Amino acid sequence: MRFTRINRSNIPRHDTTKRFRLRVTDIHMPEINGLDLLAAMNERRVSMPVIMITGQGNAQLAVAAMLQGAFDFFHKPFKADILLSSICRALMCEDESKNEFSSA
């Protein structure tokens, strides 16, 4: 697991994400918000599951994140086992989709 501070200048690009399989990010960050990060990742064709968390969200924010492709969305506080379960599901889904493409 690695923690990185994200800002507009270091949003991952498609070819640099092979070492990361998943991103867990907060909606409210000092230099960029999570929805903007998700939009930029989509724009740059970064294909990885993204799990969004927030302590200041509402249903509209959750829907917006999911419509932009977030794998899951959690309101703080949440139990660690719930997040870990979501991480496992996201990685299993990613593995399944890669296997589908490789066998086609």
PDB file of N, CA and C in Angstrom:
ATOM      1  N   MET A   1       0.844  -1.163   0.000  1.00  0.00           N
ATOM      2  CA  MET A   1       0.000   0.000   0.000  1.00  0.00           C
ATOM      3  C   MET A   1       0.893   1.229   0.000  1.00  0.00           C
ATOM      4  N   ARG A   2       0.486   2.227  -0.759  1.00  0.00           N
ATOM      5  CA  ARG A   2       1.274   3.449  -0.847  1.00  0.00           C
ATOM      6  C   ARG A   2       0.333   4.643  -0.795  1.00  0.00           C
ATOM      7  N   PHE A   3       0.719   5.647  -0.043  1.00  0.00           N
ATOM      8  CA  PHE A   3      -0.063   6.870   0.048  1.00  0.00           C
ATOM      9  C   PHE A   3       0.662   7.962  -0.712  1.00  0.00           C
ATOM     10  N   THR A   4      -0.059   8.643  -1.575  1.00  0.00           N
ATOM     11  CA  THR A   4       0.540   9.744  -2.321  1.00  0.00           C
ATOM     12  C   THR A   4      -0.361  10.958  -2.247  1.00  0.00           C
ATOM     13  N   ARG A   5       0.250  12.116  -2.261  1.00  0.00           N
ATOM     14  CA  ARG A   5      -0.510  13.358  -2.300  1.00  0.00           C
ATOM     15  C   ARG A   5      -0.742  13.710  -3.761  1.00  0.00           C
ATOM     16  N   ILE A   6      -2.000  13.854  -4.116  1.00  0.00           N
ATOM     17  CA  ILE A   6      -2.368  14.120  -5.503  1.00  0.00           C
ATOM     18  C   ILE A   6      -2.650  15.599  -5.700  1.00  0.00           C
ATOM     19  N   ASN A   7      -2.138  16.126  -6.791  1.00  0.00           N
ATOM     20  CA  ASN A   7      -2.518  17.469  -7.227  1.00  0.00           C
ATOM     21  C   ASN A   7      -2.675  17.427  -8.737  1.00  0.00           C
ATOM     22  N   ARG A   8      -3.026  18.514  -9.334  1.00  0.00           N
ATOM     23  CA  ARG A   8      -3.313  18.515 -10.775  1.00  0.00           C
ATOM     24  C   ARG A   8      -2.106  18.122 -11.621  1.00  0.00           C
ATOM     25  N   SER A   9      -0.899  18.336 -11.124  1.00  0.00           N
ATOM     26  CA  SER A   9       0.288  18.044 -11.936  1.00  0.00           C
ATOM     27  C   SER A   9       0.725  16.588 -11.855  1.00  0.00           C
ATOM     28  N   ASN A  10       0.242  15.817 -10.899  1.00  0.00           N
ATOM     29  CA  ASN A  10       0.706  14.431 -10.815  1.00  0.00           C
ATOM     30  C   ASN A  10      -0.430  13.408 -10.882  1.00  0.00           C
ATOM     31  N   ILE A  11      -1.514  13.763 -11.558  1.00  0.00           N
ATOM     32  CA  ILE A  11      -2.574  12.791 -11.812  1.00  0.00           C
ATOM     33  C   ILE A  11      -1.979  11.705 -12.696  1.00  0.00           C
ATOM     34  N   PRO A  12      -2.203  10.448 -12.352  1.00  0.00           N
ATOM     35  CA  PRO A  12      -1.566   9.372 -13.118  1.00  0.00           C
ATOM     36  C   PRO A  12      -1.986   9.358 -14.578  1.00  0.00           C
ATOM     37  N   ARG A  13      -1.075   8.935 -15.411  1.00  0.00           N
ATOM     38  CA  ARG A  13      -1.350   8.777 -16.839  1.00  0.00           C
ATOM     39  C   ARG A  13      -1.483   7.284 -17.124  1.00  0.00           C
ATOM     40  N   HIS A  14      -2.080   6.963 -18.251  1.00  0.00           N
ATOM     41  CA  HIS A  14      -2.362   5.572 -18.606  1.00  0.00           C
ATOM     42  C   HIS A  14      -1.125   4.678 -18.499  1.00  0.00           C
ATOM     43  N   ASP A  15      -0.011   5.115 -19.048  1.00  0.00           N
ATOM     44  CA  ASP A  15       1.166   4.251 -19.110  1.00  0.00           C
ATOM     45  C   ASP A  15       1.919   4.158 -17.785  1.00  0.00           C
ATOM     46  N   THR A  16       1.575   4.957 -16.794  1.00  0.00           N
ATOM     47  CA  THR A  16       2.300   4.896 -15.526  1.00  0.00           C
ATOM     48  C   THR A  16       1.511   4.184 -14.436  1.00  0.00           C
ATOM     49  N   THR A  17       0.346   3.659 -14.757  1.00  0.00           N
ATOM     50  CA  THR A  17      -0.502   3.067 -13.720  1.00  0.00           C
ATOM     51  C   THR A  17      -0.324   1.567 -13.567  1.00  0.00           C
ATOM     52  N   LYS A  18       0.533   0.958 -14.336  1.00  0.00           N
ATOM     53  CA  LYS A  18       0.660  -0.496 -14.281  1.00  0.00           C
ATOM     54  C   LYS A  18       1.122  -1.003 -12.922  1.00  0.00           C
ATOM     55  N   ARG A  19       1.756  -0.170 -12.155  1.00  0.00           N
ATOM     56  CA  ARG A  19       2.204  -0.616 -10.836  1.00  0.00           C
ATOM     57  C   ARG A  19       1.121  -0.452  -9.779  1.00  0.00           C
ATOM     58  N   PHE A  20       0.031   0.241 -10.107  1.00  0.00           N
ATOM     59  CA  PHE A  20      -1.093   0.403  -9.191  1.00  0.00           C
ATOM     60  C   PHE A  20      -2.308  -0.290  -9.768  1.00  0.00           C
ATOM     61  N   ARG A  21      -3.050  -0.981  -8.916  1.00  0.00           N
ATOM     62  CA  ARG A  21      -4.235  -1.682  -9.400  1.00  0.00           C
ATOM     63  C   ARG A  21      -5.530  -1.043  -8.924  1.00  0.00           C
ATOM     64  N   LEU A  22      -5.442  -0.124  -7.965  1.00  0.00           N
ATOM     65  CA  LEU A  22      -6.642   0.439  -7.361  1.00  0.00           C
ATOM     66  C   LEU A  22      -6.289   1.759  -6.688  1.00  0.00           C
ATOM     67  N   ARG A  23      -7.253   2.661  -6.631  1.00  0.00           N
ATOM     68  CA  ARG A  23      -7.043   3.926  -5.927  1.00  0.00           C
ATOM     69  C   ARG A  23      -8.198   4.133  -4.959  1.00  0.00           C
ATOM     70  N   VAL A  24      -7.857   4.443  -3.720  1.00  0.00           N
ATOM     71  CA  VAL A  24      -8.830   4.865  -2.716  1.00  0.00           C
ATOM     72  C   VAL A  24      -8.547   6.336  -2.459  1.00  0.00           C
ATOM     73  N   THR A  25      -9.544   7.170  -2.646  1.00  0.00           N
ATOM     74  CA  THR A  25      -9.313   8.606  -2.532  1.00  0.00           C
ATOM     75  C   THR A  25     -10.466   9.306  -1.833  1.00  0.00           C
ATOM     76  N   ASP A  26     -10.140  10.364  -1.155  1.00  0.00           N
ATOM     77  CA  ASP A  26     -11.151  11.187  -0.502  1.00  0.00           C
ATOM     78  C   ASP A  26     -11.743  12.134  -1.540  1.00  0.00           C
ATOM     79  N   ILE A  27     -12.950  12.563  -1.301  1.00  0.00           N
ATOM     80  CA  ILE A  27     -13.566  13.565  -2.170  1.00  0.00           C
ATOM     81  C   ILE A  27     -12.928  14.931  -1.934  1.00  0.00           C
ATOM     82  N   HIS A  28     -12.770  15.288  -0.664  1.00  0.00           N
ATOM     83  CA  HIS A  28     -12.260  16.620  -0.320  1.00  0.00           C
ATOM     84  C   HIS A  28     -10.783  16.538   0.018  1.00  0.00           C
ATOM     85  N   MET A  29      -9.943  17.050  -0.901  1.00  0.00           N
ATOM     86  CA  MET A  29      -8.499  17.074  -0.711  1.00  0.00           C
ATOM     87  C   MET A  29      -8.033  18.513  -0.891  1.00  0.00           C
ATOM     88  N   PRO A  30      -6.864  18.837  -0.381  1.00  0.00           N
ATOM     89  CA  PRO A  30      -6.414  20.230  -0.424  1.00  0.00           C
ATOM     90  C   PRO A  30      -6.251  20.814  -1.830  1.00  0.00           C
ATOM     91  N   GLU A  31      -5.723  20.043  -2.773  1.00  0.00           N
ATOM     92  CA  GLU A  31      -5.373  20.620  -4.061  1.00  0.00           C
ATOM     93  C   GLU A  31      -6.281  20.225  -5.220  1.00  0.00           C
ATOM     94  N   ILE A  32      -7.071  19.180  -5.058  1.00  0.00           N
ATOM     95  CA  ILE A  32      -7.978  18.721  -6.110  1.00  0.00           C
ATOM     96  C   ILE A  32      -9.090  17.936  -5.436  1.00  0.00           C
ATOM     97  N   ASN A  33     -10.301  18.047  -5.951  1.00  0.00           N
ATOM     98  CA  ASN A  33     -11.335  17.229  -5.318  1.00  0.00           C
ATOM     99  C   ASN A  33     -11.431  15.882  -6.028  1.00  0.00           C
ATOM    100  N   GLY A  34     -11.986  14.915  -5.349  1.00  0.00           N
ATOM    101  CA  GLY A  34     -12.020  13.552  -5.858  1.00  0.00           C
ATOM    102  C   GLY A  34     -12.770  13.395  -7.167  1.00  0.00           C
ATOM    103  N   LEU A  35     -13.827  14.173  -7.366  1.00  0.00           N
ATOM    104  CA  LEU A  35     -14.566  14.092  -8.628  1.00  0.00           C
ATOM    105  C   LEU A  35     -13.725  14.609  -9.785  1.00  0.00           C
ATOM    106  N   ASP A  36     -12.963  15.681  -9.548  1.00  0.00           N
ATOM    107  CA  ASP A  36     -12.056  16.187 -10.590  1.00  0.00           C
ATOM    108  C   ASP A  36     -10.958  15.173 -10.890  1.00  0.00           C
ATOM    109  N   LEU A  37     -10.457  14.518  -9.854  1.00  0.00           N
ATOM    110  CA  LEU A  37      -9.446  13.480 -10.043  1.00  0.00           C
ATOM    111  C   LEU A  37     -10.017  12.347 -10.890  1.00  0.00           C
ATOM    112  N   LEU A  38     -11.212  11.901 -10.563  1.00  0.00           N
ATOM    113  CA  LEU A  38     -11.847  10.826 -11.310  1.00  0.00           C
ATOM    114  C   LEU A  38     -12.068  11.235 -12.774  1.00  0.00           C
ATOM    115  N   ALA A  39     -12.526  12.453 -12.989  1.00  0.00           N
ATOM    116  CA  ALA A  39     -12.726  12.950 -14.357  1.00  0.00           C
ATOM    117  C   ALA A  39     -11.404  12.990 -15.127  1.00  0.00           C
ATOM    118  N   ALA A  40     -10.343  13.456 -14.473  1.00  0.00           N
ATOM    119  CA  ALA A  40      -9.028  13.521 -15.132  1.00  0.00           C
ATOM    120  C   ALA A  40      -8.496  12.127 -15.441  1.00  0.00           C
ATOM    121  N   MET A  41      -8.720  11.189 -14.533  1.00  0.00           N
ATOM    122  CA  MET A  41      -8.297   9.809 -14.794  1.00  0.00           C
ATOM    123  C   MET A  41      -9.052   9.239 -15.990  1.00  0.00           C
ATOM    124  N   ASN A  42     -10.345   9.519 -16.070  1.00  0.00           N
ATOM    125  CA  ASN A  42     -11.141   9.060 -17.214  1.00  0.00           C
ATOM    126  C   ASN A  42     -10.645   9.686 -18.507  1.00  0.00           C
ATOM    127  N   GLU A  43     -10.348  10.979 -18.464  1.00  0.00           N
ATOM    128  CA  GLU A  43      -9.847  11.703 -19.623  1.00  0.00           C
ATOM    129  C   GLU A  43      -8.533  11.107 -20.117  1.00  0.00           C
ATOM    130  N   ARG A  44      -7.696  10.704 -19.183  1.00  0.00           N
ATOM    131  CA  ARG A  44      -6.378  10.144 -19.517  1.00  0.00           C
ATOM    132  C   ARG A  44      -6.416   8.634 -19.704  1.00  0.00           C
ATOM    133  N   ARG A  45      -7.610   8.086 -19.694  1.00  0.00           N
ATOM    134  CA  ARG A  45      -7.824   6.645 -19.905  1.00  0.00           C
ATOM    135  C   ARG A  45      -7.090   5.783 -18.889  1.00  0.00           C
ATOM    136  N   VAL A  46      -7.069   6.233 -17.667  1.00  0.00           N
ATOM    137  CA  VAL A  46      -6.499   5.441 -16.575  1.00  0.00           C
ATOM    138  C   VAL A  46      -7.570   4.447 -16.156  1.00  0.00           C
ATOM    139  N   SER A  47      -7.302   3.185 -16.384  1.00  0.00           N
ATOM    140  CA  SER A  47      -8.288   2.147 -16.124  1.00  0.00           C
ATOM    141  C   SER A  47      -7.929   1.396 -14.844  1.00  0.00           C
ATOM    142  N   MET A  48      -8.550   1.806 -13.763  1.00  0.00           N
ATOM    143  CA  MET A  48      -8.382   1.113 -12.488  1.00  0.00           C
ATOM    144  C   MET A  48      -9.596   1.436 -11.627  1.00  0.00           C
ATOM    145  N   PRO A  49      -9.969   0.530 -10.737  1.00  0.00           N
ATOM    146  CA  PRO A  49     -11.087   0.830  -9.847  1.00  0.00           C
ATOM    147  C   PRO A  49     -10.726   1.980  -8.903  1.00  0.00           C
ATOM    148  N   VAL A  50     -11.708   2.838  -8.654  1.00  0.00           N
ATOM    149  CA  VAL A  50     -11.526   3.959  -7.736  1.00  0.00           C
ATOM    150  C   VAL A  50     -12.622   3.872  -6.672  1.00  0.00           C
ATOM    151  N   ILE A  51     -12.196   3.874  -5.427  1.00  0.00           N
ATOM    152  CA  ILE A  51     -13.124   3.880  -4.297  1.00  0.00           C
ATOM    153  C   ILE A  51     -13.040   5.257  -3.664  1.00  0.00           C
ATOM    154  N   MET A  52     -14.180   5.912  -3.560  1.00  0.00           N
ATOM    155  CA  MET A  52     -14.249   7.273  -3.028  1.00  0.00           C
ATOM    156  C   MET A  52     -14.738   7.238  -1.582  1.00  0.00           C
ATOM    157  N   ILE A  53     -14.143   8.103  -0.760  1.00  0.00           N
ATOM    158  CA  ILE A  53     -14.589   8.245   0.626  1.00  0.00           C
ATOM    159  C   ILE A  53     -14.787   9.723   0.939  1.00  0.00           C
ATOM    160  N   THR A  54     -15.686  10.003   1.872  1.00  0.00           N
ATOM    161  CA  THR A  54     -15.905  11.389   2.281  1.00  0.00           C
ATOM    162  C   THR A  54     -16.564  11.443   3.648  1.00  0.00           C
ATOM    163  N   GLY A  55     -16.298  12.516   4.322  1.00  0.00           N
ATOM    164  CA  GLY A  55     -16.960  12.784   5.589  1.00  0.00           C
ATOM    165  C   GLY A  55     -17.990  13.879   5.447  1.00  0.00           C
ATOM    166  N   GLN A  56     -18.081  14.469   4.269  1.00  0.00           N
ATOM    167  CA  GLN A  56     -18.956  15.621   4.060  1.00  0.00           C
ATOM    168  C   GLN A  56     -19.852  15.436   2.844  1.00  0.00           C
ATOM    169  N   GLY A  57     -20.194  14.201   2.538  1.00  0.00           N
ATOM    170  CA  GLY A  57     -20.939  13.952   1.318  1.00  0.00           C
ATOM    171  C   GLY A  57     -22.430  13.844   1.517  1.00  0.00           C
ATOM    172  N   ASN A  58     -23.099  13.691   0.404  1.00  0.00           N
ATOM    173  CA  ASN A  58     -24.534  13.478   0.400  1.00  0.00           C
ATOM    174  C   ASN A  58     -24.843  12.521  -0.748  1.00  0.00           C
ATOM    175  N   ALA A  59     -26.106  12.197  -0.904  1.00  0.00           N
ATOM    176  CA  ALA A  59     -26.501  11.237  -1.937  1.00  0.00           C
ATOM    177  C   ALA A  59     -26.162  11.739  -3.333  1.00  0.00           C
ATOM    178  N   GLN A  60     -26.311  13.031  -3.576  1.00  0.00           N
ATOM    179  CA  GLN A  60     -26.003  13.582  -4.907  1.00  0.00           C
ATOM    180  C   GLN A  60     -24.527  13.409  -5.250  1.00  0.00           C
ATOM    181  N   LEU A  61     -23.662  13.610  -4.263  1.00  0.00           N
ATOM    182  CA  LEU A  61     -22.229  13.445  -4.473  1.00  0.00           C
ATOM    183  C   LEU A  61     -21.903  11.980  -4.764  1.00  0.00           C
ATOM    184  N   ALA A  62     -22.528  11.079  -4.041  1.00  0.00           N
ATOM    185  CA  ALA A  62     -22.310   9.648  -4.271  1.00  0.00           C
ATOM    186  C   ALA A  62     -22.758   9.257  -5.676  1.00  0.00           C
ATOM    187  N   VAL A  63     -23.923   9.732  -6.079  1.00  0.00           N
ATOM    188  CA  VAL A  63     -24.426   9.432  -7.425  1.00  0.00           C
ATOM    189  C   VAL A  63     -23.486  10.004  -8.482  1.00  0.00           C
ATOM    190  N   ALA A  64     -23.020  11.225  -8.295  1.00  0.00           N
ATOM    191  CA  ALA A  64     -22.089  11.842  -9.252  1.00  0.00           C
ATOM    192  C   ALA A  64     -20.817  11.008  -9.380  1.00  0.00           C
ATOM    193  N   ALA A  65     -20.286  10.551  -8.258  1.00  0.00           N
ATOM    194  CA  ALA A  65     -19.066   9.742  -8.286  1.00  0.00           C
ATOM    195  C   ALA A  65     -19.305   8.420  -9.018  1.00  0.00           C
ATOM    196  N   MET A  66     -20.416   7.776  -8.734  1.00  0.00           N
ATOM    197  CA  MET A  66     -20.704   6.497  -9.372  1.00  0.00           C
ATOM    198  C   MET A  66     -20.940   6.677 -10.875  1.00  0.00           C
ATOM    199  N   LEU A  67     -21.604   7.765 -11.264  1.00  0.00           N
ATOM    200  CA  LEU A  67     -21.829   8.025 -12.688  1.00  0.00           C
ATOM    201  C   LEU A  67     -20.526   8.290 -13.437  1.00  0.00           C
ATOM    202  N   GLN A  68     -19.528   8.807 -12.721  1.00  0.00           N
ATOM    203  CA  GLN A  68     -18.221   9.049 -13.345  1.00  0.00           C
ATOM    204  C   GLN A  68     -17.347   7.805 -13.316  1.00  0.00           C
ATOM    205  N   GLY A  69     -17.858   6.724 -12.736  1.00  0.00           N
ATOM    206  CA  GLY A  69     -17.125   5.465 -12.795  1.00  0.00           C
ATOM    207  C   GLY A  69     -16.513   4.982 -11.502  1.00  0.00           C
ATOM    208  N   ALA A  70     -16.790   5.638 -10.387  1.00  0.00           N
ATOM    209  CA  ALA A  70     -16.260   5.141  -9.110  1.00  0.00           C
ATOM    210  C   ALA A  70     -16.785   3.736  -8.864  1.00  0.00           C
ATOM    211  N   PHE A  71     -15.946   2.877  -8.363  1.00  0.00           N
ATOM    212  CA  PHE A  71     -16.358   1.512  -8.070  1.00  0.00           C
ATOM    213  C   PHE A  71     -17.253   1.473  -6.838  1.00  0.00           C
ATOM    214  N   ASP A  72     -16.922   2.287  -5.838  1.00  0.00           N
ATOM    215  CA  ASP A  72     -17.687   2.316  -4.594  1.00  0.00           C
ATOM    216  C   ASP A  72     -17.547   3.680  -3.951  1.00  0.00           C
ATOM    217  N   PHE A  73     -18.394   3.959  -2.980  1.00  0.00           N
ATOM    218  CA  PHE A  73     -18.424   5.259  -2.329  1.00  0.00           C
ATOM    219  C   PHE A  73     -18.800   5.043  -0.869  1.00  0.00           C
ATOM    220  N   PHE A  74     -17.996   5.580   0.049  1.00  0.00           N
ATOM    221  CA  PHE A  74     -18.247   5.408   1.481  1.00  0.00           C
ATOM    222  C   PHE A  74     -18.281   6.747   2.200  1.00  0.00           C
ATOM    223  N   HIS A  75     -19.214   6.852   3.120  1.00  0.00           N
ATOM    224  CA  HIS A  75     -19.276   8.009   4.010  1.00  0.00           C
ATOM    225  C   HIS A  75     -18.517   7.663   5.286  1.00  0.00           C
ATOM    226  N   LYS A  76     -17.683   8.587   5.751  1.00  0.00           N
ATOM    227  CA  LYS A  76     -16.970   8.405   7.021  1.00  0.00           C
ATOM    228  C   LYS A  76     -17.927   8.702   8.171  1.00  0.00           C
ATOM    229  N   PRO A  77     -17.788   8.044   9.262  1.00  0.00           N
ATOM    230  CA  PRO A  77     -16.864   6.926   9.509  1.00  0.00           C
ATOM    231  C   PRO A  77     -17.441   5.626   8.934  1.00  0.00           C
ATOM    232  N   PHE A  78     -16.558   4.726   8.591  1.00  0.00           N
ATOM    233  CA  PHE A  78     -16.976   3.410   8.115  1.00  0.00           C
ATOM    234  C   PHE A  78     -16.048   2.383   8.746  1.00  0.00           C
ATOM    235  N   LYS A  79     -16.487   1.143   8.757  1.00  0.00           N
ATOM    236  CA  LYS A  79     -15.676   0.073   9.344  1.00  0.00           C
ATOM    237  C   LYS A  79     -14.631  -0.385   8.333  1.00  0.00           C
ATOM    238  N   ALA A  80     -13.442  -0.651   8.831  1.00  0.00           N
ATOM    239  CA  ALA A  80     -12.331  -1.051   7.967  1.00  0.00           C
ATOM    240  C   ALA A  80     -12.665  -2.304   7.168  1.00  0.00           C
ATOM    241  N   ASP A  81     -13.384  -3.251   7.760  1.00  0.00           N
ATOM    242  CA  ASP A  81     -13.682  -4.489   7.037  1.00  0.00           C
ATOM    243  C   ASP A  81     -14.601  -4.239   5.841  1.00  0.00           C
ATOM    244  N   ILE A  82     -15.427  -3.204   5.923  1.00  0.00           N
ATOM    245  CA  ILE A  82     -16.295  -2.853   4.791  1.00  0.00           C
ATOM    246  C   ILE A  82     -15.430  -2.328   3.636  1.00  0.00           C
ATOM    247  N   LEU A  83     -14.472  -1.468   3.957  1.00  0.00           N
ATOM    248  CA  LEU A  83     -13.567  -0.951   2.925  1.00  0.00           C
ATOM    249  C   LEU A  83     -12.727  -2.085   2.341  1.00  0.00           C
ATOM    250  N   LEU A  84     -12.193  -2.951   3.184  1.00  0.00           N
ATOM    251  CA  LEU A  84     -11.376  -4.069   2.702  1.00  0.00           C
ATOM    252  C   LEU A  84     -12.184  -4.992   1.791  1.00  0.00           C
ATOM    253  N   SER A  85     -13.435  -5.215   2.137  1.00  0.00           N
ATOM    254  CA  SER A  85     -14.309  -6.033   1.298  1.00  0.00           C
ATOM    255  C   SER A  85     -14.497  -5.385  -0.070  1.00  0.00           C
ATOM    256  N   SER A  86     -14.691  -4.078  -0.092  1.00  0.00           N
ATOM    257  CA  SER A  86     -14.850  -3.358  -1.353  1.00  0.00           C
ATOM    258  C   SER A  86     -13.567  -3.434  -2.182  1.00  0.00           C
ATOM    259  N   ILE A  87     -12.428  -3.296  -1.533  1.00  0.00           N
ATOM    260  CA  ILE A  87     -11.141  -3.400  -2.227  1.00  0.00           C
ATOM    261  C   ILE A  87     -11.000  -4.782  -2.864  1.00  0.00           C
ATOM    262  N   CYS A  88     -11.327  -5.820  -2.111  1.00  0.00           N
ATOM    263  CA  CYS A  88     -11.242  -7.187  -2.649  1.00  0.00           C
ATOM    264  C   CYS A  88     -12.178  -7.375  -3.841  1.00  0.00           C
ATOM    265  N   ARG A  89     -13.410  -6.888  -3.734  1.00  0.00           N
ATOM    266  CA  ARG A  89     -14.370  -6.997  -4.842  1.00  0.00           C
ATOM    267  C   ARG A  89     -13.849  -6.251  -6.071  1.00  0.00           C
ATOM    268  N   ALA A  90     -13.314  -5.053  -5.856  1.00  0.00           N
ATOM    269  CA  ALA A  90     -12.807  -4.253  -6.976  1.00  0.00           C
ATOM    270  C   ALA A  90     -11.664  -4.976  -7.685  1.00  0.00           C
ATOM    271  N   LEU A  91     -10.756  -5.552  -6.926  1.00  0.00           N
ATOM    272  CA  LEU A  91      -9.621  -6.249  -7.534  1.00  0.00           C
ATOM    273  C   LEU A  91     -10.068  -7.523  -8.235  1.00  0.00           C
ATOM    274  N   MET A  92     -11.049  -8.229  -7.668  1.00  0.00           N
ATOM    275  CA  MET A  92     -11.579  -9.429  -8.330  1.00  0.00           C
ATOM    276  C   MET A  92     -12.272  -9.055  -9.640  1.00  0.00           C
ATOM    277  N   CYS A  93     -13.045  -7.978  -9.639  1.00  0.00           N
ATOM    278  CA  CYS A  93     -13.715  -7.518 -10.864  1.00  0.00           C
ATOM    279  C   CYS A  93     -12.692  -7.130 -11.920  1.00  0.00           C
ATOM    280  N   GLU A  94     -11.634  -6.463 -11.485  1.00  0.00           N
ATOM    281  CA  GLU A  94     -10.582  -6.061 -12.419  1.00  0.00           C
ATOM    282  C   GLU A  94      -9.925  -7.298 -13.030  1.00  0.00           C
ATOM    283  N   ASP A  95      -9.617  -8.290 -12.197  1.00  0.00           N
ATOM    284  CA  ASP A  95      -9.007  -9.528 -12.694  1.00  0.00           C
ATOM    285  C   ASP A  95      -9.929 -10.237 -13.680  1.00  0.00           C
ATOM    286  N   GLU A  96     -11.226 -10.297 -13.356  1.00  0.00           N
ATOM    287  CA  GLU A  96     -12.192 -10.950 -14.242  1.00  0.00           C
ATOM    288  C   GLU A  96     -12.275 -10.240 -15.592  1.00  0.00           C
ATOM    289  N   SER A  97     -12.288  -8.900 -15.574  1.00  0.00           N
ATOM    290  CA  SER A  97     -12.391  -8.178 -16.841  1.00  0.00           C
ATOM    291  C   SER A  97     -11.119  -8.349 -17.670  1.00  0.00           C
ATOM    292  N   LYS A  98      -9.974  -8.419 -17.037  1.00  0.00           N
ATOM    293  CA  LYS A  98      -8.721  -8.638 -17.777  1.00  0.00           C
ATOM    294  C   LYS A  98      -8.717 -10.025 -18.387  1.00  0.00           C
ATOM    295  N   ASN A  99      -9.223 -11.028 -17.624  1.00  0.00           N
ATOM    296  CA  ASN A  99      -9.288 -12.393 -18.163  1.00  0.00           C
ATOM    297  C   ASN A  99     -10.237 -12.491 -19.338  1.00  0.00           C
ATOM    298  N   GLU A 100     -11.352 -11.756 -19.299  1.00  0.00           N
ATOM    299  CA  GLU A 100     -12.302 -11.751 -20.409  1.00  0.00           C
ATOM    300  C   GLU A 100     -11.645 -11.205 -21.670  1.00  0.00           C
ATOM    301  N   PHE A 101     -10.888 -10.095 -21.530  1.00  0.00           N
ATOM    302  CA  PHE A 101     -10.239  -9.496 -22.688  1.00  0.00           C
ATOM    303  C   PHE A 101      -9.102 -10.368 -23.220  1.00  0.00           C
ATOM    304  N   SER A 102      -8.377 -11.029 -22.340  1.00  0.00           N
ATOM    305  CA  SER A 102      -7.241 -11.832 -22.793  1.00  0.00           C
ATOM    306  C   SER A 102      -7.682 -13.130 -23.467  1.00  0.00           C
ATOM    307  N   SER A 103      -8.868 -13.626 -23.126  1.00  0.00           N
ATOM    308  CA  SER A 103      -9.342 -14.869 -23.739  1.00  0.00           C
ATOM    309  C   SER A 103     -10.133 -14.627 -25.009  1.00  0.00           C
ATOM    310  N   ALA A 104     -10.452 -13.364 -25.296  1.00  0.00           N
ATOM    311  CA  ALA A 104     -11.251 -13.055 -26.498  1.00  0.00           C
ATOM    312  C   ALA A 104     -10.401 -13.031 -27.749  1.00  0.00           C
TER     313      ALA A 104
END
